[in-house]
Amino acid sequence: MGASSLIVLICAAVAFSAGGIAIAKFMVKGTKNTAKGEAYECGIPAKGTPWDQFNVGYYLFALIFLIFDVELIFLYPWAVVVKSIGWPAFVEIVIFMFILFMGFLYAHKKGALKWM
């Protein structure tokens, strides 16, 4: 697989993308409907401006979830090699889980896990 394969792949990707967009432009009847341009919020009509401020607690809650979710991804490779490595792997995962648990306790103590 040399440079020619990469060029063919890029050309095919551009052709398929442009072809799909072109077919959609020619085949689909366009309508001018103002409701289609509005933001959809679970069927509830939008109120206020799009620049309204949200409580920072929602973002904090989401970030804490992502941190713990990404940390749990590291458990899979550990589970795959734990038998071949032995006790050092077990000690390392205990330390890892301890640090993760301390982060959870810190977030709980600061009140970051309380919903608004």
Protein backbone atom coordinates (compact mmCIF):
# COMPACT_ATOMS: atom_id res chain seq x y z
CA MET A 1 0.00 0.00 0.00
CA GLY A 2 1.76 3.02 -1.23
CA ALA A 3 0.87 6.59 -1.98
CA SER A 4 -1.26 5.55 -4.95
CA SER A 5 -3.61 3.58 -2.67
CA LEU A 6 -4.03 6.62 -0.45
CA ILE A 7 -4.79 8.85 -3.43
CA VAL A 8 -7.37 6.36 -4.74
CA LEU A 9 -8.98 6.17 -1.29
CA ILE A 10 -9.18 9.97 -0.98
CA CYS A 11 -10.64 10.29 -4.50
CA ALA A 12 -13.23 7.60 -3.72
CA ALA A 13 -14.19 9.34 -0.47
CA VAL A 14 -14.60 12.69 -2.21
CA ALA A 15 -16.58 11.10 -5.06
CA PHE A 16 -18.97 9.26 -2.72
CA SER A 17 -19.48 12.34 -0.54
CA ALA A 18 -20.00 14.73 -3.45
CA GLY A 19 -22.21 12.17 -5.21
CA GLY A 20 -24.45 11.78 -2.18
CA ILE A 21 -24.82 15.52 -1.76
CA ALA A 22 -25.51 16.01 -5.48
CA ILE A 23 -28.16 13.27 -5.54
CA ALA A 24 -29.82 14.78 -2.48
CA LYS A 25 -29.89 18.24 -4.10
CA PHE A 26 -31.48 16.96 -7.32
CA MET A 27 -33.89 14.36 -5.90
CA VAL A 28 -35.26 16.07 -2.79
CA LYS A 29 -37.84 18.81 -3.17
CA GLY A 30 -36.77 21.78 -1.09
CA THR A 31 -39.35 23.53 1.05
CA LYS A 32 -39.12 26.82 2.84
CA ASN A 33 -40.50 26.01 6.26
CA THR A 34 -39.49 28.19 9.20
CA ALA A 35 -40.21 25.41 11.70
CA LYS A 36 -37.43 23.31 10.16
CA GLY A 37 -34.86 25.97 10.96
CA GLU A 38 -35.70 26.13 14.67
CA ALA A 39 -33.85 24.22 17.37
CA TYR A 40 -35.73 21.09 18.48
CA GLU A 41 -36.07 20.65 22.23
CA CYS A 42 -38.15 17.53 22.86
CA GLY A 43 -41.19 19.01 21.17
CA ILE A 44 -41.34 22.00 23.50
CA PRO A 45 -41.22 25.38 21.76
CA ALA A 46 -38.00 27.24 22.51
CA LYS A 47 -38.26 30.21 24.87
CA GLY A 48 -35.76 33.00 25.21
CA THR A 49 -32.58 33.55 23.28
CA PRO A 50 -29.99 30.91 22.41
CA TRP A 51 -27.46 32.81 24.53
CA ASP A 52 -29.14 32.06 27.88
CA GLN A 53 -26.70 30.99 30.56
CA PHE A 54 -26.90 27.55 32.12
CA ASN A 55 -25.88 26.56 35.59
CA VAL A 56 -22.22 25.49 35.59
CA GLY A 57 -23.19 22.51 37.74
CA TYR A 58 -24.58 20.70 34.70
CA TYR A 59 -21.22 20.92 32.94
CA LEU A 60 -19.38 19.90 36.10
CA PHE A 61 -21.63 16.86 36.48
CA ALA A 62 -21.00 15.88 32.85
CA LEU A 63 -17.24 16.30 33.17
CA ILE A 64 -17.10 14.18 36.31
CA PHE A 65 -19.09 11.47 34.54
CA LEU A 66 -16.66 11.56 31.60
CA ILE A 67 -13.63 11.37 33.87
CA PHE A 68 -14.91 8.29 35.68
CA ASP A 69 -16.12 6.74 32.43
CA VAL A 70 -12.73 7.13 30.74
CA GLU A 71 -10.95 5.81 33.81
CA LEU A 72 -13.05 2.66 33.71
CA ILE A 73 -11.94 2.03 30.12
CA PHE A 74 -8.46 1.34 31.49
CA LEU A 75 -9.82 -1.67 33.38
CA TYR A 76 -10.30 -3.69 30.18
CA PRO A 77 -6.62 -3.93 29.16
CA TRP A 78 -5.77 -4.75 32.76
CA ALA A 79 -8.32 -7.59 32.80
CA VAL A 80 -6.79 -9.01 29.62
CA VAL A 81 -3.22 -9.22 30.99
CA VAL A 82 -3.79 -9.74 34.71
CA LYS A 83 -3.10 -13.50 34.60
CA SER A 84 0.13 -13.13 32.66
CA ILE A 85 1.53 -10.32 34.83
CA GLY A 86 0.34 -11.56 38.21
CA TRP A 87 0.61 -9.70 41.51
CA PRO A 88 2.25 -6.51 40.19
CA ALA A 89 -0.82 -5.94 38.01
CA PHE A 90 -3.11 -6.47 40.99
CA VAL A 91 -1.15 -4.00 43.13
CA GLU A 92 -1.19 -1.41 40.36
CA ILE A 93 -4.95 -1.69 39.86
CA VAL A 94 -5.53 -1.39 43.61
CA ILE A 95 -3.50 1.83 43.61
CA PHE A 96 -5.37 3.02 40.51
CA MET A 97 -8.77 2.29 42.09
CA PHE A 98 -7.68 3.99 45.32
CA ILE A 99 -6.78 7.18 43.43
CA LEU A 100 -10.07 6.97 41.53
CA PHE A 101 -12.00 6.50 44.77
CA MET A 102 -10.23 9.46 46.37
CA GLY A 103 -11.30 11.59 43.39
CA PHE A 104 -14.86 10.37 43.88
CA LEU A 105 -14.76 11.27 47.58
CA TYR A 106 -13.35 14.71 46.77
CA ALA A 107 -16.13 15.36 44.22
CA HIS A 108 -18.74 14.15 46.71
CA LYS A 109 -17.32 16.32 49.50
CA LYS A 110 -17.36 19.41 47.27
CA GLY A 111 -21.01 18.71 46.39
CA ALA A 112 -20.31 18.23 42.68
CA LEU A 113 -22.46 15.09 42.55
CA LYS A 114 -25.60 16.77 43.87
CA TRP A 115 -28.15 17.49 41.19
CA MET A 116 -29.46 21.05 40.98
